[in-house]
Structure formats: structure tokens, C-alpha cells
Protein backbone atom coordinates (compact mmCIF):
# COMPACT_ATOMS: atom_id res chain seq x y z
CA MET A 1 -19.22 21.98 -48.07
CA LYS A 2 -16.60 19.49 -48.44
CA SER A 3 -14.95 20.24 -45.65
CA ILE A 4 -18.72 20.06 -43.36
CA GLN A 5 -18.59 16.23 -45.28
CA ILE A 6 -14.96 15.61 -44.02
CA ILE A 7 -15.58 16.57 -40.50
CA LEU A 8 -18.97 14.77 -40.53
CA ILE A 9 -17.22 11.33 -41.69
CA GLY A 10 -14.32 11.87 -39.42
CA ALA A 11 -16.70 12.25 -36.27
CA MET A 12 -18.64 9.36 -37.38
CA THR A 13 -15.61 7.60 -37.77
CA ALA A 14 -14.61 8.25 -34.41
CA THR A 15 -17.40 7.69 -32.57
CA THR A 16 -17.35 4.59 -34.42
CA LEU A 17 -14.08 3.46 -33.32
CA LEU A 18 -14.39 4.40 -29.65
CA GLY A 19 -17.29 2.29 -29.46
CA GLY A 20 -15.20 -0.57 -30.53
CA CYS A 21 -12.76 0.31 -27.73
CA ALA A 22 -15.16 0.02 -25.08
CA ASN A 23 -14.42 -2.51 -22.65
CA SER A 24 -17.43 -4.58 -21.30
CA SER A 25 -15.61 -6.86 -19.03
CA LYS A 26 -15.44 -6.43 -15.35
CA PRO A 27 -12.12 -5.11 -14.00
CA ALA A 28 -10.33 -7.21 -11.92
CA ALA A 29 -12.04 -7.37 -8.45
CA PRO A 30 -10.99 -9.35 -4.98
CA THR A 31 -12.02 -13.22 -5.47
CA ASN A 32 -13.50 -14.36 -2.31
CA THR A 33 -14.63 -17.99 -2.14
CA SER A 34 -15.38 -19.61 1.28
CA SER A 35 -16.78 -23.17 2.14
CA GLY A 36 -19.27 -22.86 4.82
CA SER A 37 -21.40 -19.96 6.70
CA SER A 38 -20.37 -16.64 7.17
CA THR A 39 -21.76 -13.87 9.30
CA SER A 40 -21.66 -10.28 8.20
CA SER A 41 -19.96 -7.56 10.55
CA SER A 42 -19.13 -4.23 10.17
CA SER A 43 -15.73 -4.75 10.10
CA ASN A 44 -15.71 -7.70 7.75
CA PHE A 45 -13.56 -9.92 9.72
CA ILE A 46 -13.19 -13.15 8.19
CA GLY A 47 -11.06 -14.71 10.74
CA TYR A 48 -7.41 -15.91 11.52
CA GLY A 49 -5.83 -19.07 9.47
CA VAL A 50 -2.83 -20.29 8.07
CA VAL A 51 -1.77 -19.33 4.12
CA GLU A 52 -2.24 -22.90 1.83
CA ASP A 53 -1.34 -21.51 -1.32
CA ILE A 54 -0.04 -18.27 -2.97
CA GLU A 55 -0.65 -17.84 -6.79
CA THR A 56 0.58 -15.28 -8.73
CA ILE A 57 -1.57 -14.10 -11.55
CA LYS A 58 -1.21 -11.65 -14.44
CA VAL A 59 -4.09 -9.01 -14.62
CA SER A 60 -4.35 -7.16 -18.21
CA ASP A 61 -5.08 -3.61 -18.34
CA ASP A 62 -5.80 -3.89 -21.95
CA GLY A 63 -8.64 -1.41 -23.31
CA LYS A 64 -8.14 1.27 -20.76
CA ASN A 65 -6.17 3.85 -22.81
CA ILE A 66 -7.21 4.95 -26.00
CA ALA A 67 -5.18 7.96 -26.82
CA GLY A 68 -3.14 5.78 -29.21
CA THR A 69 -6.33 4.89 -31.08
CA LEU A 70 -7.30 8.52 -31.46
CA ILE A 71 -4.15 9.89 -32.35
CA GLY A 72 -3.52 7.32 -34.83
CA GLY A 73 -6.88 7.86 -36.52
CA ALA A 74 -6.48 11.40 -36.80
CA VAL A 75 -3.27 10.94 -38.64
CA GLY A 76 -4.80 8.23 -40.45
CA GLY A 77 -7.41 10.43 -41.63
CA LEU A 78 -5.18 13.45 -42.55
CA LEU A 79 -2.79 11.30 -44.47
CA GLY A 80 -5.84 9.56 -46.33
CA HIS A 81 -7.31 12.99 -46.98
CA GLN A 82 -4.08 13.83 -49.08
CA VAL A 83 -4.95 10.98 -51.70
CA GLY A 84 -7.28 11.47 -54.91
CA SER A 85 -10.41 13.94 -54.95
CA GLY A 86 -13.94 13.64 -54.68
CA ARG A 87 -15.65 10.49 -53.39
CA GLY A 88 -12.22 8.50 -53.83
CA GLN A 89 -10.44 11.12 -51.13
CA THR A 90 -13.43 11.12 -49.03
CA ALA A 91 -13.03 6.99 -49.19
CA ALA A 92 -9.23 7.25 -48.61
CA THR A 93 -9.82 9.71 -45.58
CA VAL A 94 -12.15 6.97 -43.91
CA ALA A 95 -9.66 4.14 -44.83
CA GLY A 96 -6.83 6.37 -43.23
CA ALA A 97 -8.46 7.17 -40.28
CA VAL A 98 -9.58 3.43 -39.71
CA GLY A 99 -6.04 2.19 -40.65
CA GLY A 100 -4.22 4.77 -38.57
CA ALA A 101 -6.51 3.83 -35.29
CA VAL A 102 -6.18 0.31 -35.58
CA ALA A 103 -2.00 0.76 -35.76
CA GLY A 104 -2.31 3.40 -33.06
CA HIS A 105 -4.01 1.30 -30.93
CA GLU A 106 -1.64 -1.88 -31.57
CA ILE A 107 1.62 0.53 -31.00
CA GLU A 108 0.25 1.96 -27.33
CA LYS A 109 -0.61 -2.00 -26.51
CA ARG A 110 2.65 -2.94 -27.05
CA THR A 111 4.02 0.21 -25.35
CA GLN A 112 2.12 0.20 -22.20
CA ALA A 113 3.03 -3.09 -21.08
CA GLY A 114 -0.31 -3.64 -19.88
CA SER A 115 -0.36 -6.48 -17.41
CA ARG A 116 0.64 -6.34 -13.49
CA GLU A 117 0.97 -8.91 -11.02
CA GLU A 118 -1.68 -9.69 -8.37
CA TYR A 119 -1.63 -12.36 -5.94
CA ARG A 120 -4.45 -14.98 -5.33
CA VAL A 121 -3.98 -16.28 -1.43
CA ARG A 122 -5.57 -19.39 -0.09
CA VAL A 123 -6.22 -19.38 3.25
CA ARG A 124 -7.53 -22.30 5.54
CA LEU A 125 -9.32 -20.99 8.27
CA SER A 126 -9.09 -22.08 12.14
CA ASN A 127 -12.76 -22.77 11.71
CA GLY A 128 -11.82 -25.64 8.88
CA THR A 129 -12.87 -23.36 5.67
CA THR A 130 -11.09 -21.97 2.95
CA HIS A 131 -11.06 -18.29 2.22
CA THR A 132 -9.43 -17.17 -1.35
CA VAL A 133 -8.74 -13.47 -1.40
CA THR A 134 -7.04 -11.86 -4.73
CA GLN A 135 -4.75 -8.77 -3.52
CA SER A 136 -2.21 -5.98 -5.08
CA SER A 137 0.65 -7.43 -2.83
CA VAL A 138 1.50 -10.35 -0.19
CA SER A 139 4.32 -8.25 1.55
CA ASP A 140 6.04 -10.72 3.43
CA ILE A 141 3.75 -13.64 3.91
CA LYS A 142 4.74 -17.19 2.87
CA VAL A 143 3.04 -20.17 2.58
CA GLY A 144 2.54 -22.00 6.37
CA ASP A 145 2.26 -18.37 7.87
CA ARG A 146 -0.49 -17.63 10.52
CA VAL A 147 -2.32 -14.62 9.02
CA ARG A 148 -5.49 -12.89 9.94
CA VAL A 149 -8.45 -12.11 6.99
CA ASP A 150 -10.03 -8.97 7.08
CA ASN A 151 -11.80 -6.60 4.93
CA ASP A 152 -10.58 -8.79 1.67
CA ARG A 153 -7.08 -8.48 2.54
CA VAL A 154 -4.74 -11.28 4.39
CA SER A 155 -2.08 -10.01 6.72
CA ARG A 156 0.65 -11.21 8.88
CA ALA A 157 -1.55 -12.15 12.46
CA ASN A 158 -0.04 -10.26 15.42
């Protein structure tokens, strides 16, 4: 009977911790801003232009990995279960699971180096409008280069 209570408490704790780890923010997606009218076509060709600015931005990966939280919670729960007896042991198990989950999450977050660089490229199009695209790399594109904007990507014009 006691082990069933421990399993139920552990399951409820894990469910609560997993719910707290859910990331409700939207993932980084291409950012497109355009002044002027745009027409939709099947290839998403925007136009040709000149690069006005390239900004490096950091994108955080925080919240994607929960292994540290789960492992920390399990280890903390097992260690907490070794303390006391009766209700005190149950409280120690829950406290150990919560504390272990928090510690495991922090350890994993610091270990993962959870950010990457992306580039926000602003292009002055031939028609005078400005279009901004966020992409993972810029290759050899520099400010002042003539480029093509197509399918939410900026590439060197041929």
C-alpha cells in the first residue's frame, strides 16, 4: 500500500513538473516586414535589392530539453524517500523530487549552452520597399551586396 502511494505521488509530481516545463512561446520563425504591396506567387519571389543591414541575433533554445528535469526529479525523489518514515517520508520524497527536478533543469540548461546565432537581413528592394528576413546563415553576403529575396531567404544575385 505504501509503495502505491509513493508511485502515485511520484506520478503526480512528474506531471506537475512536466506541465511547468511546457514552453508556450512560439519558436523563432522568419521575420518578414515589407512596406508596400506584395503579390503572392507560387515561388514566393520577392525581388532583387541591396543589403542595407545584417544584424546578428541570439535565439535561445531554453525549454526544449526536459531530460535533466526528469532525471533530477527521479534521483531527488529516491534520495528523499530514504529520509524519515510515514508522512514525513512522503513529504521528504516529494520535496526531494521537486528539488532534484529544479536542480536537474538548471544543470542541463547550463550544460546545453542553449543559444544559437541567426541573422536578420534588411534589404532595400529595387522598387524602394524594405524587406527583412531572419535566417540561420548569411554565407558570404555583406552590406552593400546585390541580392535576391526568394522563399524567405536572401542569397547573392547572379
